[in-house]
Protein backbone atom coordinates (compact mmCIF):
# COMPACT_ATOMS: atom_id res chain seq x y z
CA UNK A 1 -17.13 -11.61 -35.33
CA UNK A 2 -19.16 -10.40 -32.32
CA UNK A 3 -17.52 -8.51 -29.44
CA UNK A 4 -17.59 -10.33 -26.12
CA UNK A 5 -17.22 -8.22 -23.03
CA UNK A 6 -16.38 -9.73 -19.65
CA UNK A 7 -15.41 -8.22 -16.34
CA UNK A 8 -12.65 -9.93 -14.39
CA UNK A 9 -11.51 -9.44 -10.83
CA UNK A 10 -7.89 -10.04 -9.96
CA UNK A 11 -6.93 -10.30 -6.32
CA UNK A 12 -3.32 -9.90 -5.29
CA UNK A 13 -1.73 -9.60 -1.89
CA UNK A 14 0.22 -6.57 -0.73
CA UNK A 15 3.38 -8.69 -0.78
CA UNK A 16 2.76 -9.74 -4.39
CA UNK A 17 2.24 -6.10 -5.34
CA UNK A 18 5.44 -4.97 -3.61
CA UNK A 19 7.45 -7.83 -5.10
CA UNK A 20 6.34 -6.75 -8.57
CA UNK A 21 7.43 -3.13 -8.02
CA UNK A 22 10.66 -1.75 -9.42
CA UNK A 23 13.12 0.13 -7.20
CA UNK A 24 11.73 3.44 -8.48
CA UNK A 25 8.15 2.37 -7.80
CA UNK A 26 9.11 1.31 -4.25
CA UNK A 27 10.69 4.72 -3.64
CA UNK A 28 7.54 6.41 -4.93
CA UNK A 29 5.43 4.14 -2.72
CA UNK A 30 7.59 5.17 0.23
CA UNK A 31 6.90 8.84 -0.45
CA UNK A 32 3.18 8.15 -0.69
CA UNK A 33 3.15 6.12 2.55
CA UNK A 34 5.07 8.91 4.30
CA UNK A 35 2.59 11.60 3.22
CA UNK A 36 0.47 13.28 5.93
CA UNK A 37 -2.76 12.10 4.26
CA UNK A 38 -1.75 8.42 4.40
CA UNK A 39 -0.18 8.74 7.87
CA UNK A 40 -3.51 10.11 9.14
CA UNK A 41 -5.35 7.22 7.54
CA UNK A 42 -2.96 4.74 9.19
CA UNK A 43 -3.70 6.29 12.60
CA UNK A 44 -7.49 6.09 12.19
CA UNK A 45 -9.55 3.47 14.01
CA UNK A 46 -10.02 0.40 11.78
CA UNK A 47 -13.54 -0.31 10.52
CA UNK A 48 -13.40 -4.04 11.24
CA UNK A 49 -12.03 -6.41 13.84
CA UNK A 50 -9.65 -7.85 11.24
CA UNK A 51 -6.89 -5.49 12.35
CA UNK A 52 -7.33 -6.11 16.07
CA UNK A 53 -4.68 -8.83 16.05
CA UNK A 54 -2.12 -6.48 14.46
CA UNK A 55 -0.48 -3.43 15.94
CA UNK A 56 -0.43 -0.63 13.40
CA UNK A 57 2.25 2.04 13.64
CA UNK A 58 2.85 5.02 11.37
CA UNK A 59 5.56 4.40 8.81
CA UNK A 60 8.44 6.86 8.69
CA UNK A 61 10.97 6.23 5.96
CA UNK A 62 14.49 7.65 5.88
CA UNK A 63 15.52 9.33 2.69
CA UNK A 64 18.75 8.16 1.06
CA UNK A 65 20.64 11.26 2.24
CA UNK A 66 19.92 10.61 5.95
CA UNK A 67 22.23 7.60 6.46
């Protein structure tokens, strides 16, 4: 039987991605979003006009022990 190779592209929304995450994955995502590297990227000027209608603010997450 011959091998057939195909490339597929799957597009999902951010909300679909987050809804599919476990609690642990969401916590890890929170740490990543809170990192200086990502915070700097959030503050950068957007490359397109797509974001002009949205106000973008840095995300600061509270850890569980800061209630």
